Amino acid sequence: NGVPHIHSFICVPDGIRFCEAEQCRNGPLVLFAGIKDLKLMKTTQS
């Protein structure tokens, strides 16, 4: 009813968040992020 529960959760598969960090010694840390398995549909205008 619009009120956030204090300890209950629901798994909503509307895209999985991920990230990737990599570093060589004496080099900068490079960071990537992303989203995968995001299923999208539109039924017209295509």
ModelCIF file with pLDDT and N, C-alpha, C, O atoms, coordinates in Angstrom:
data_MODEL
#
_entry.id   MODEL 
#
_entity.id                         1 
_entity.type                       polymer 
_entity.pdbx_number_of_molecules   1 
#
_entity_poly.entity_id                      1 
_entity_poly.type                           'polypeptide(L)' 
_entity_poly.nstd_linkage                   no 
_entity_poly.nstd_monomer                   no 
_entity_poly.pdbx_seq_one_letter_code       NGVPHIHSFICVPDGIRFCEAEQCRNGPLVLFAGIKDLKLMKTTQS 
_entity_poly.pdbx_seq_one_letter_code_can   NGVPHIHSFICVPDGIRFCEAEQCRNGPLVLFAGIKDLKLMKTTQS 
_entity_poly.pdbx_strand_id                 A 
#
loop_
_entity_poly_seq.entity_id 
_entity_poly_seq.num 
_entity_poly_seq.mon_id 
_entity_poly_seq.hetero 
1 1  ASN n 
1 2  GLY n 
1 3  VAL n 
1 4  PRO n 
1 5  HIS n 
1 6  ILE n 
1 7  HIS n 
1 8  SER n 
1 9  PHE n 
1 10 ILE n 
1 11 CYS n 
1 12 VAL n 
1 13 PRO n 
1 14 ASP n 
1 15 GLY n 
1 16 ILE n 
1 17 ARG n 
1 18 PHE n 
1 19 CYS n 
1 20 GLU n 
1 21 ALA n 
1 22 GLU n 
1 23 GLN n 
1 24 CYS n 
1 25 ARG n 
1 26 ASN n 
1 27 GLY n 
1 28 PRO n 
1 29 LEU n 
1 30 VAL n 
1 31 LEU n 
1 32 PHE n 
1 33 ALA n 
1 34 GLY n 
1 35 ILE n 
1 36 LYS n 
1 37 ASP n 
1 38 LEU n 
1 39 LYS n 
1 40 LEU n 
1 41 MET n 
1 42 LYS n 
1 43 THR n 
1 44 THR n 
1 45 GLN n 
1 46 SER n 
#
_struct_asym.id          A 
_struct_asym.entity_id   1 
#
loop_
_ma_qa_metric.id 
_ma_qa_metric.mode 
_ma_qa_metric.name 
_ma_qa_metric.software_group_id 
_ma_qa_metric.type 
1 global pLDDT . pLDDT 
2 local  pLDDT . pLDDT 
#
_ma_qa_metric_global.metric_id      1 
_ma_qa_metric_global.metric_value   95.46 
_ma_qa_metric_global.model_id       1 
_ma_qa_metric_global.ordinal_id     1 
#
loop_
_ma_qa_metric_local.label_asym_id 
_ma_qa_metric_local.label_comp_id 
_ma_qa_metric_local.label_seq_id 
_ma_qa_metric_local.metric_id 
_ma_qa_metric_local.metric_value 
_ma_qa_metric_local.model_id 
_ma_qa_metric_local.ordinal_id 
A ASN 1  2 93.00 1 1  
A GLY 2  2 91.00 1 2  
A VAL 3  2 96.00 1 3  
A PRO 4  2 95.00 1 4  
A HIS 5  2 97.00 1 5  
A ILE 6  2 97.00 1 6  
A HIS 7  2 97.00 1 7  
A SER 8  2 97.00 1 8  
A PHE 9  2 97.00 1 9  
A ILE 10 2 96.00 1 10 
A CYS 11 2 96.00 1 11 
A VAL 12 2 92.00 1 12 
A PRO 13 2 87.00 1 13 
A ASP 14 2 90.00 1 14 
A GLY 15 2 95.00 1 15 
A ILE 16 2 97.00 1 16 
A ARG 17 2 98.00 1 17 
A PHE 18 2 98.00 1 18 
A CYS 19 2 98.00 1 19 
A GLU 20 2 97.00 1 20 
A ALA 21 2 96.00 1 21 
A GLU 22 2 96.00 1 22 
A GLN 23 2 95.00 1 23 
A CYS 24 2 96.00 1 24 
A ARG 25 2 94.00 1 25 
A ASN 26 2 91.00 1 26 
A GLY 27 2 92.00 1 27 
A PRO 28 2 92.00 1 28 
A LEU 29 2 94.00 1 29 
A VAL 30 2 94.00 1 30 
A LEU 31 2 96.00 1 31 
A PHE 32 2 97.00 1 32 
A ALA 33 2 98.00 1 33 
A GLY 34 2 98.00 1 34 
A ILE 35 2 98.00 1 35 
A LYS 36 2 97.00 1 36 
A ASP 37 2 96.00 1 37 
A LEU 38 2 97.00 1 38 
A LYS 39 2 96.00 1 39 
A LEU 40 2 97.00 1 40 
A MET 41 2 97.00 1 41 
A LYS 42 2 96.00 1 42 
A THR 43 2 96.00 1 43 
A THR 44 2 96.00 1 44 
A GLN 45 2 96.00 1 45 
A SER 46 2 96.00 1 46 
#
loop_
_atom_site.group_PDB 
_atom_site.id 
_atom_site.type_symbol 
_atom_site.label_atom_id 
_atom_site.label_alt_id 
_atom_site.label_comp_id 
_atom_site.label_asym_id 
_atom_site.label_entity_id 
_atom_site.label_seq_id 
_atom_site.pdbx_PDB_ins_code 
_atom_site.Cartn_x 
_atom_site.Cartn_y 
_atom_site.Cartn_z 
_atom_site.occupancy 
_atom_site.B_iso_or_equiv 
_atom_site.pdbx_formal_charge 
_atom_site.auth_seq_id 
_atom_site.auth_comp_id 
_atom_site.auth_asym_id 
_atom_site.auth_atom_id 
_atom_site.pdbx_PDB_model_num 
ATOM 1   N N  . ASN A 1 1  ? 0.827  -1.215  0.000   1.00 93.00 ? 1  ASN A N  1 
ATOM 2   C CA . ASN A 1 1  ? 0.000  0.000   0.000   1.00 93.00 ? 1  ASN A CA 1 
ATOM 3   C C  . ASN A 1 1  ? 0.860  1.264   0.000   1.00 93.00 ? 1  ASN A C  1 
ATOM 4   O O  . ASN A 1 1  ? 0.555  2.252   0.668   1.00 93.00 ? 1  ASN A O  1 
ATOM 5   N N  . GLY A 1 2  ? 1.951  1.196   -0.776  1.00 91.00 ? 2  GLY A N  1 
ATOM 6   C CA . GLY A 1 2  ? 2.833  2.352   -0.897  1.00 91.00 ? 2  GLY A CA 1 
ATOM 7   C C  . GLY A 1 2  ? 3.827  2.513   0.224   1.00 91.00 ? 2  GLY A C  1 
ATOM 8   O O  . GLY A 1 2  ? 4.645  3.432   0.188   1.00 91.00 ? 2  GLY A O  1 
ATOM 9   N N  . VAL A 1 3  ? 3.785  1.648   1.221   1.00 96.00 ? 3  VAL A N  1 
ATOM 10  C CA . VAL A 1 3  ? 4.685  1.765   2.373   1.00 96.00 ? 3  VAL A CA 1 
ATOM 11  C C  . VAL A 1 3  ? 5.832  0.762   2.210   1.00 96.00 ? 3  VAL A C  1 
ATOM 12  O O  . VAL A 1 3  ? 5.576  -0.432  2.060   1.00 96.00 ? 3  VAL A O  1 
ATOM 13  N N  . PRO A 1 4  ? 7.105  1.222   2.235   1.00 95.00 ? 4  PRO A N  1 
ATOM 14  C CA . PRO A 1 4  ? 8.237  0.300   2.096   1.00 95.00 ? 4  PRO A CA 1 
ATOM 15  C C  . PRO A 1 4  ? 8.354  -0.631  3.296   1.00 95.00 ? 4  PRO A C  1 
ATOM 16  O O  . PRO A 1 4  ? 8.290  -0.194  4.445   1.00 95.00 ? 4  PRO A O  1 
ATOM 17  N N  . HIS A 1 5  ? 8.526  -1.921  3.014   1.00 97.00 ? 5  HIS A N  1 
ATOM 18  C CA . HIS A 1 5  ? 8.661  -2.917  4.080   1.00 97.00 ? 5  HIS A CA 1 
ATOM 19  C C  . HIS A 1 5  ? 10.067 -2.850  4.671   1.00 97.00 ? 5  HIS A C  1 
ATOM 20  O O  . HIS A 1 5  ? 11.032 -2.576  3.957   1.00 97.00 ? 5  HIS A O  1 
ATOM 21  N N  . ILE A 1 6  ? 10.180 -3.100  5.970   1.00 97.00 ? 6  ILE A N  1 
ATOM 22  C CA . ILE A 1 6  ? 11.486 -2.940  6.619   1.00 97.00 ? 6  ILE A CA 1 
ATOM 23  C C  . ILE A 1 6  ? 12.422 -4.117  6.361   1.00 97.00 ? 6  ILE A C  1 
ATOM 24  O O  . ILE A 1 6  ? 13.636 -3.962  6.486   1.00 97.00 ? 6  ILE A O  1 
ATOM 25  N N  . HIS A 1 7  ? 11.889 -5.301  6.002   1.00 97.00 ? 7  HIS A N  1 
ATOM 26  C CA . HIS A 1 7  ? 12.801 -6.428  5.827   1.00 97.00 ? 7  HIS A CA 1 
ATOM 27  C C  . HIS A 1 7  ? 12.346 -7.434  4.759   1.00 97.00 ? 7  HIS A C  1 
ATOM 28  O O  . HIS A 1 7  ? 12.838 -8.563  4.738   1.00 97.00 ? 7  HIS A O  1 
ATOM 29  N N  . SER A 1 8  ? 11.429 -7.052  3.886   1.00 97.00 ? 8  SER A N  1 
ATOM 30  C CA . SER A 1 8  ? 10.985 -7.965  2.827   1.00 97.00 ? 8  SER A CA 1 
ATOM 31  C C  . SER A 1 8  ? 11.313 -7.394  1.456   1.00 97.00 ? 8  SER A C  1 
ATOM 32  O O  . SER A 1 8  ? 11.256 -6.185  1.236   1.00 97.00 ? 8  SER A O  1 
ATOM 33  N N  . PHE A 1 9  ? 11.660 -8.298  0.533   1.00 97.00 ? 9  PHE A N  1 
ATOM 34  C CA . PHE A 1 9  ? 12.139 -7.892  -0.788  1.00 97.00 ? 9  PHE A CA 1 
ATOM 35  C C  . PHE A 1 9  ? 11.519 -8.773  -1.862  1.00 97.00 ? 9  PHE A C  1 
ATOM 36  O O  . PHE A 1 9  ? 11.072 -9.887  -1.587  1.00 97.00 ? 9  PHE A O  1 
ATOM 37  N N  . ILE A 1 10 ? 11.498 -8.260  -3.094  1.00 96.00 ? 10 ILE A N  1 
ATOM 38  C CA . ILE A 1 10 ? 11.001 -9.012  -4.237  1.00 96.00 ? 10 ILE A CA 1 
ATOM 39  C C  . ILE A 1 10 ? 12.049 -8.940  -5.345  1.00 96.00 ? 10 ILE A C  1 
ATOM 40  O O  . ILE A 1 10 ? 12.640 -7.888  -5.589  1.00 96.00 ? 10 ILE A O  1 
ATOM 41  N N  . CYS A 1 11 ? 12.270 -10.065 -6.008  1.00 96.00 ? 11 CYS A N  1 
ATOM 42  C CA . CYS A 1 11 ? 13.249 -10.110 -7.100  1.00 96.00 ? 11 CYS A CA 1 
ATOM 43  C C  . CYS A 1 11 ? 12.545 -9.701  -8.394  1.00 96.00 ? 11 CYS A C  1 
ATOM 44  O O  . CYS A 1 11 ? 11.624 -10.375 -8.855  1.00 96.00 ? 11 CYS A O  1 
ATOM 45  N N  . VAL A 1 12 ? 12.994 -8.590  -8.967  1.00 92.00 ? 12 VAL A N  1 
ATOM 46  C CA . VAL A 1 12 ? 12.367 -8.029  -10.161 1.00 92.00 ? 12 VAL A CA 1 
ATOM 47  C C  . VAL A 1 12 ? 13.375 -8.096  -11.317 1.00 92.00 ? 12 VAL A C  1 
ATOM 48  O O  . VAL A 1 12 ? 14.313 -7.300  -11.362 1.00 92.00 ? 12 VAL A O  1 
ATOM 49  N N  . PRO A 1 13 ? 13.188 -9.042  -12.252 1.00 87.00 ? 13 PRO A N  1 
ATOM 50  C CA . PRO A 1 13 ? 14.172 -9.225  -13.321 1.00 87.00 ? 13 PRO A CA 1 
ATOM 51  C C  . PRO A 1 13 ? 14.001 -8.216  -14.455 1.00 87.00 ? 13 PRO A C  1 
ATOM 52  O O  . PRO A 1 13 ? 13.682 -8.590  -15.584 1.00 87.00 ? 13 PRO A O  1 
ATOM 53  N N  . ASP A 1 14 ? 14.215 -6.932  -14.149 1.00 90.00 ? 14 ASP A N  1 
ATOM 54  C CA . ASP A 1 14 ? 14.075 -5.902  -15.182 1.00 90.00 ? 14 ASP A CA 1 
ATOM 55  C C  . ASP A 1 14 ? 15.437 -5.312  -15.546 1.00 90.00 ? 14 ASP A C  1 
ATOM 56  O O  . ASP A 1 14 ? 15.593 -4.098  -15.684 1.00 90.00 ? 14 ASP A O  1 
ATOM 57  N N  . GLY A 1 15 ? 16.408 -6.197  -15.696 1.00 95.00 ? 15 GLY A N  1 
ATOM 58  C CA . GLY A 1 15 ? 17.764 -5.789  -16.033 1.00 95.00 ? 15 GLY A CA 1 
ATOM 59  C C  . GLY A 1 15 ? 18.703 -6.047  -14.882 1.00 95.00 ? 15 GLY A C  1 
ATOM 60  O O  . GLY A 1 15 ? 18.389 -5.724  -13.736 1.00 95.00 ? 15 GLY A O  1 
ATOM 61  N N  . ILE A 1 16 ? 19.859 -6.628  -15.175 1.00 97.00 ? 16 ILE A N  1 
ATOM 62  C CA . ILE A 1 16 ? 20.849 -6.954  -14.149 1.00 97.00 ? 16 ILE A CA 1 
ATOM 63  C C  . ILE A 1 16 ? 21.974 -5.929  -14.203 1.00 97.00 ? 16 ILE A C  1 
ATOM 64  O O  . ILE A 1 16 ? 22.552 -5.681  -15.261 1.00 97.00 ? 16 ILE A O  1 
ATOM 65  N N  . ARG A 1 17 ? 22.274 -5.348  -13.069 1.00 98.00 ? 17 ARG A N  1 
ATOM 66  C CA . ARG A 1 17 ? 23.363 -4.368  -12.968 1.00 98.00 ? 17 ARG A CA 1 
ATOM 67  C C  . ARG A 1 17 ? 24.684 -5.098  -12.774 1.00 98.00 ? 17 ARG A C  1 
ATOM 68  O O  . ARG A 1 17 ? 24.766 -6.078  -12.033 1.00 98.00 ? 17 ARG A O  1 
ATOM 69  N N  . PHE A 1 18 ? 25.725 -4.600  -13.456 1.00 98.00 ? 18 PHE A N  1 
ATOM 70  C CA . PHE A 1 18 ? 27.055 -5.178  -13.276 1.00 98.00 ? 18 PHE A CA 1 
ATOM 71  C C  . PHE A 1 18 ? 28.105 -4.085  -13.409 1.00 98.00 ? 18 PHE A C  1 
ATOM 72  O O  . PHE A 1 18 ? 27.822 -2.990  -13.894 1.00 98.00 ? 18 PHE A O  1 
ATOM 73  N N  . CYS A 1 19 ? 29.325 -4.400  -12.971 1.00 98.00 ? 19 CYS A N  1 
ATOM 74  C CA . CYS A 1 19 ? 30.447 -3.487  -13.166 1.00 98.00 ? 19 CYS A CA 1 
ATOM 75  C C  . CYS A 1 19 ? 31.723 -4.298  -13.276 1.00 98.00 ? 19 CYS A C  1 
ATOM 76  O O  . CYS A 1 19 ? 31.752 -5.486  -12.956 1.00 98.00 ? 19 CYS A O  1 
ATOM 77  N N  . GLU A 1 20 ? 32.779 -3.638  -13.735 1.00 97.00 ? 20 GLU A N  1 
ATOM 78  C CA . GLU A 1 20 ? 34.068 -4.293  -13.919 1.00 97.00 ? 20 GLU A CA 1 
ATOM 79  C C  . GLU A 1 20 ? 35.164 -3.271  -13.677 1.00 97.00 ? 20 GLU A C  1 
ATOM 80  O O  . GLU A 1 20 ? 35.150 -2.183  -14.253 1.00 97.00 ? 20 GLU A O  1 
ATOM 81  N N  . ALA A 1 21 ? 36.110 -3.627  -12.824 1.00 96.00 ? 21 ALA A N  1 
ATOM 82  C CA . ALA A 1 21 ? 37.259 -2.755  -12.553 1.00 96.00 ? 21 ALA A CA 1 
ATOM 83  C C  . ALA A 1 21 ? 38.525 -3.515  -12.891 1.00 96.00 ? 21 ALA A C  1 
ATOM 84  O O  . ALA A 1 21 ? 38.631 -4.709  -12.608 1.00 96.00 ? 21 ALA A O  1 
ATOM 85  N N  . GLU A 1 22 ? 39.491 -2.827  -13.497 1.00 96.00 ? 22 GLU A N  1 
ATOM 86  C CA . GLU A 1 22 ? 40.763 -3.477  -13.809 1.00 96.00 ? 22 GLU A CA 1 
ATOM 87  C C  . GLU A 1 22 ? 41.901 -2.498  -13.610 1.00 96.00 ? 22 GLU A C  1 
ATOM 88  O O  . GLU A 1 22 ? 41.760 -1.291  -13.808 1.00 96.00 ? 22 GLU A O  1 
ATOM 89  N N  . GLN A 1 23 ? 43.042 -3.061  -13.209 1.00 95.00 ? 23 GLN A N  1 
ATOM 90  C CA . GLN A 1 23 ? 44.196 -2.215  -12.917 1.00 95.00 ? 23 GLN A CA 1 
ATOM 91  C C  . GLN A 1 23 ? 45.486 -2.975  -13.156 1.00 95.00 ? 23 GLN A C  1 
ATOM 92  O O  . GLN A 1 23 ? 45.629 -4.128  -12.749 1.00 95.00 ? 23 GLN A O  1 
ATOM 93  N N  . CYS A 1 24 ? 46.424 -2.313  -13.822 1.00 96.00 ? 24 CYS A N  1 
ATOM 94  C CA . CYS A 1 24 ? 47.788 -2.813  -13.939 1.00 96.00 ? 24 CYS A CA 1 
ATOM 95  C C  . CYS A 1 24 ? 48.653 -2.097  -12.908 1.00 96.00 ? 24 CYS A C  1 
ATOM 96  O O  . CYS A 1 24 ? 48.399 -0.944  -12.559 1.00 96.00 ? 24 CYS A O  1 
ATOM 97  N N  . ARG A 1 25 ? 49.673 -2.792  -12.427 1.00 94.00 ? 25 ARG A N  1 
ATOM 98  C CA . ARG A 1 25 ? 50.563 -2.151  -11.469 1.00 94.00 ? 25 ARG A CA 1 
ATOM 99  C C  . ARG A 1 25 ? 51.192 -0.907  -12.094 1.00 94.00 ? 25 ARG A C  1 
ATOM 100 O O  . ARG A 1 25 ? 51.653 -0.933  -13.235 1.00 94.00 ? 25 ARG A O  1 
ATOM 101 N N  . ASN A 1 26 ? 51.202 0.162   -11.335 1.00 91.00 ? 26 ASN A N  1 
ATOM 102 C CA . ASN A 1 26 ? 51.704 1.478   -11.784 1.00 91.00 ? 26 ASN A CA 1 
ATOM 103 C C  . ASN A 1 26 ? 50.825 2.103   -12.864 1.00 91.00 ? 26 ASN A C  1 
ATOM 104 O O  . ASN A 1 26 ? 51.242 3.039   -13.546 1.00 91.00 ? 26 ASN A O  1 
ATOM 105 N N  . GLY A 1 27 ? 49.613 1.586   -13.015 1.00 92.00 ? 27 GLY A N  1 
ATOM 106 C CA . GLY A 1 27 ? 48.684 2.160   -13.987 1.00 92.00 ? 27 GLY A CA 1 
ATOM 107 C C  . GLY A 1 27 ? 47.402 2.596   -13.315 1.00 92.00 ? 27 GLY A C  1 
ATOM 108 O O  . GLY A 1 27 ? 47.169 2.258   -12.154 1.00 92.00 ? 27 GLY A O  1 
ATOM 109 N N  . PRO A 1 28 ? 46.562 3.341   -14.019 1.00 92.00 ? 28 PRO A N  1 
ATOM 110 C CA . PRO A 1 28 ? 45.301 3.811   -13.438 1.00 92.00 ? 28 PRO A CA 1 
ATOM 111 C C  . PRO A 1 28 ? 44.286 2.680   -13.305 1.00 92.00 ? 28 PRO A C  1 
ATOM 112 O O  . PRO A 1 28 ? 44.325 1.709   -14.061 1.00 92.00 ? 28 PRO A O  1 
ATOM 113 N N  . LEU A 1 29 ? 43.394 2.810   -12.356 1.00 94.00 ? 29 LEU A N  1 
ATOM 114 C CA . LEU A 1 29 ? 42.276 1.878   -12.240 1.00 94.00 ? 29 LEU A CA 1 
ATOM 115 C C  . LEU A 1 29 ? 41.181 2.339   -13.201 1.00 94.00 ? 29 LEU A C  1 
ATOM 116 O O  . LEU A 1 29 ? 40.725 3.481   -13.138 1.00 94.00 ? 29 LEU A O  1 
ATOM 117 N N  . VAL A 1 30 ? 40.771 1.444   -14.083 1.00 94.00 ? 30 VAL A N  1 
ATOM 118 C CA . VAL A 1 30 ? 39.759 1.760   -15.096 1.00 94.00 ? 30 VAL A CA 1 
ATOM 119 C C  . VAL A 1 30 ? 38.470 1.048   -14.723 1.00 94.00 ? 30 VAL A C  1 
ATOM 120 O O  . VAL A 1 30 ? 38.478 -0.118  -14.328 1.00 94.00 ? 30 VAL A O  1 
ATOM 121 N N  . LEU A 1 31 ? 37.358 1.770   -14.853 1.00 96.00 ? 31 LEU A N  1 
ATOM 122 C CA . LEU A 1 31 ? 36.083 1.257   -14.366 1.00 96.00 ? 31 LEU A CA 1 
ATOM 123 C C  . LEU A 1 31 ? 35.056 1.216   -15.486 1.00 96.00 ? 31 LEU A C  1 
ATOM 124 O O  . LEU A 1 31 ? 34.922 2.163   -16.260 1.00 96.00 ? 31 LEU A O  1 
ATOM 125 N N  . PHE A 1 32 ? 34.331 0.102   -15.560 1.00 97.00 ? 32 PHE A N  1 
ATOM 126 C CA . PHE A 1 32 ? 33.218 -0.078  -16.482 1.00 97.00 ? 32 PHE A CA 1 
ATOM 127 C C  . PHE A 1 32 ? 31.974 -0.417  -15.660 1.00 97.00 ? 32 PHE A C  1 
ATOM 128 O O  . PHE A 1 32 ? 32.076 -0.945  -14.553 1.00 97.00 ? 32 PHE A O  1 
ATOM 129 N N  . ALA A 1 33 ? 30.816 -0.112  -16.207 1.00 98.00 ? 33 ALA A N  1 
ATOM 130 C CA . ALA A 1 33 ? 29.557 -0.500  -15.579 1.00 98.00 ? 33 ALA A CA 1 
ATOM 131 C C  . ALA A 1 33 ? 28.558 -0.809  -16.677 1.00 98.00 ? 33 ALA A C  1 
ATOM 132 O O  . ALA A 1 33 ? 28.786 -0.501  -17.847 1.00 98.00 ? 33 ALA A O  1 
ATOM 133 N N  . GLY A 1 34 ? 27.439 -1.424  -16.286 1.00 98.00 ? 34 GLY A N  1 
ATOM 134 C CA . GLY A 1 34 ? 26.484 -1.750  -17.337 1.00 98.00 ? 34 GLY A CA 1 
ATOM 135 C C  . GLY A 1 34 ? 25.217 -2.387  -16.813 1.00 98.00 ? 34 GLY A C  1 
ATOM 136 O O  . GLY A 1 34 ? 25.010 -2.548  -15.610 1.00 98.00 ? 34 GLY A O  1 
ATOM 137 N N  . ILE A 1 35 ? 24.383 -2.740  -17.766 1.00 98.00 ? 35 ILE A N  1 
ATOM 138 C CA . ILE A 1 35 ? 23.117 -3.421  -17.513 1.00 98.00 ? 35 ILE A CA 1 
ATOM 139 C C  . ILE A 1 35 ? 22.951 -4.480  -18.592 1.00 98.00 ? 35 ILE A C  1 
ATOM 140 O O  . ILE A 1 35 ? 23.245 -4.237  -19.763 1.00 98.00 ? 35 ILE A O  1 
ATOM 141 N N  . LYS A 1 36 ? 22.480 -5.650  -18.195 1.00 97.00 ? 36 LYS A N  1 
ATOM 142 C CA . LYS A 1 36 ? 22.281 -6.739  -19.153 1.00 97.00 ? 36 LYS A CA 1 
ATOM 143 C C  . LYS A 1 36 ? 20.951 -7.432  -18.864 1.00 97.00 ? 36 LYS A C  1 
ATOM 144 O O  . LYS A 1 36 ? 20.331 -7.226  -17.821 1.00 97.00 ? 36 LYS A O  1 
ATOM 145 N N  . ASP A 1 37 ? 20.534 -8.264  -19.827 1.00 96.00 ? 37 ASP A N  1 
ATOM 146 C CA . ASP A 1 37 ? 19.277 -9.021  -19.709 1.00 96.00 ? 37 ASP A CA 1 
ATOM 147 C C  . ASP A 1 37 ? 18.081 -8.101  -19.486 1.00 96.00 ? 37 ASP A C  1 
ATOM 148 O O  . ASP A 1 37 ? 17.139 -8.447  -18.774 1.00 96.00 ? 37 ASP A O  1 
ATOM 149 N N  . LEU A 1 38 ? 18.135 -6.924  -20.106 1.00 97.00 ? 38 LEU A N  1 
ATOM 150 C CA . LEU A 1 38 ? 17.008 -5.987  -20.029 1.00 97.00 ? 38 LEU A CA 1 
ATOM 151 C C  . LEU A 1 38 ? 16.107 -6.251  -21.237 1.00 97.00 ? 38 LEU A C  1 
ATOM 152 O O  . LEU A 1 38 ? 16.488 -5.951  -22.369 1.00 97.00 ? 38 LEU A O  1 
ATOM 153 N N  . LYS A 1 39 ? 14.919 -6.808  -21.006 1.00 96.00 ? 39 LYS A N  1 
ATOM 154 C CA . LYS A 1 39 ? 14.007 -7.173  -22.089 1.00 96.00 ? 39 LYS A CA 1 
ATOM 155 C C  . LYS A 1 39 ? 13.032 -6.034  -22.351 1.00 96.00 ? 39 LYS A C  1 
ATOM 156 O O  . LYS A 1 39 ? 12.335 -5.571  -21.448 1.00 96.00 ? 39 LYS A O  1 
ATOM 157 N N  . LEU A 1 40 ? 12.996 -5.593  -23.608 1.00 97.00 ? 40 LEU A N  1 
ATOM 158 C CA . LEU A 1 40 ? 12.186 -4.441  -23.991 1.00 97.00 ? 40 LEU A CA 1 
ATOM 159 C C  . LEU A 1 40 ? 11.298 -4.804  -25.182 1.00 97.00 ? 40 LEU A C  1 
ATOM 160 O O  . LEU A 1 40 ? 11.664 -5.625  -26.023 1.00 97.00 ? 40 LEU A O  1 
ATOM 161 N N  . MET A 1 41 ? 10.122 -4.172  -25.233 1.00 97.00 ? 41 MET A N  1 
ATOM 162 C CA . MET A 1 41 ? 9.206  -4.401  -26.351 1.00 97.00 ? 41 MET A CA 1 
ATOM 163 C C  . MET A 1 41 ? 8.355  -3.166  -26.583 1.00 97.00 ? 41 MET A C  1 
ATOM 164 O O  . MET A 1 41 ? 7.900  -2.523  -25.636 1.00 97.00 ? 41 MET A O  1 
ATOM 165 N N  . LYS A 1 42 ? 8.145  -2.842  -27.848 1.00 96.00 ? 42 LYS A N  1 
ATOM 166 C CA . LYS A 1 42 ? 7.071  -1.919  -28.207 1.00 96.00 ? 42 LYS A CA 1 
ATOM 167 C C  . LYS A 1 42 ? 6.303  -2.539  -29.365 1.00 96.00 ? 42 LYS A C  1 
ATOM 168 O O  . LYS A 1 42 ? 6.893  -3.129  -30.269 1.00 96.00 ? 42 LYS A O  1 
ATOM 169 N N  . THR A 1 43 ? 4.981  -2.402  -29.330 1.00 96.00 ? 43 THR A N  1 
ATOM 170 C CA . THR A 1 43 ? 4.119  -3.167  -30.225 1.00 96.00 ? 43 THR A CA 1 
ATOM 171 C C  . THR A 1 43 ? 3.806  -2.448  -31.528 1.00 96.00 ? 43 THR A C  1 
ATOM 172 O O  . THR A 1 43 ? 3.136  -3.003  -32.400 1.00 96.00 ? 43 THR A O  1 
ATOM 173 N N  . THR A 1 44 ? 4.283  -1.224  -31.664 1.00 96.00 ? 44 THR A N  1 
ATOM 174 C CA . THR A 1 44 ? 4.118  -0.479  -32.916 1.00 96.00 ? 44 THR A CA 1 
ATOM 175 C C  . THR A 1 44 ? 5.218  0.575   -32.973 1.00 96.00 ? 44 THR A C  1 
ATOM 176 O O  . THR A 1 44 ? 6.145  0.563   -32.163 1.00 96.00 ? 44 THR A O  1 
ATOM 177 N N  . GLN A 1 45 ? 5.106  1.490   -33.939 1.00 96.00 ? 45 GLN A N  1 
ATOM 178 C CA . GLN A 1 45 ? 6.118  2.526   -34.144 1.00 96.00 ? 45 GLN A CA 1 
ATOM 179 C C  . GLN A 1 45 ? 7.485  1.916   -34.455 1.00 96.00 ? 45 GLN A C  1 
ATOM 180 O O  . GLN A 1 45 ? 8.518  2.400   -33.992 1.00 96.00 ? 45 GLN A O  1 
ATOM 181 N N  . SER A 1 46 ? 7.468  0.850   -35.244 1.00 96.00 ? 46 SER A N  1 
ATOM 182 C CA . SER A 1 46 ? 8.700  0.229   -35.709 1.00 96.00 ? 46 SER A CA 1 
ATOM 183 C C  . SER A 1 46 ? 8.462  -0.400  -37.067 1.00 96.00 ? 46 SER A C  1 
ATOM 184 O O  . SER A 1 46 ? 9.378  -0.983  -37.646 1.00 96.00 ? 46 SER A O  1 
#
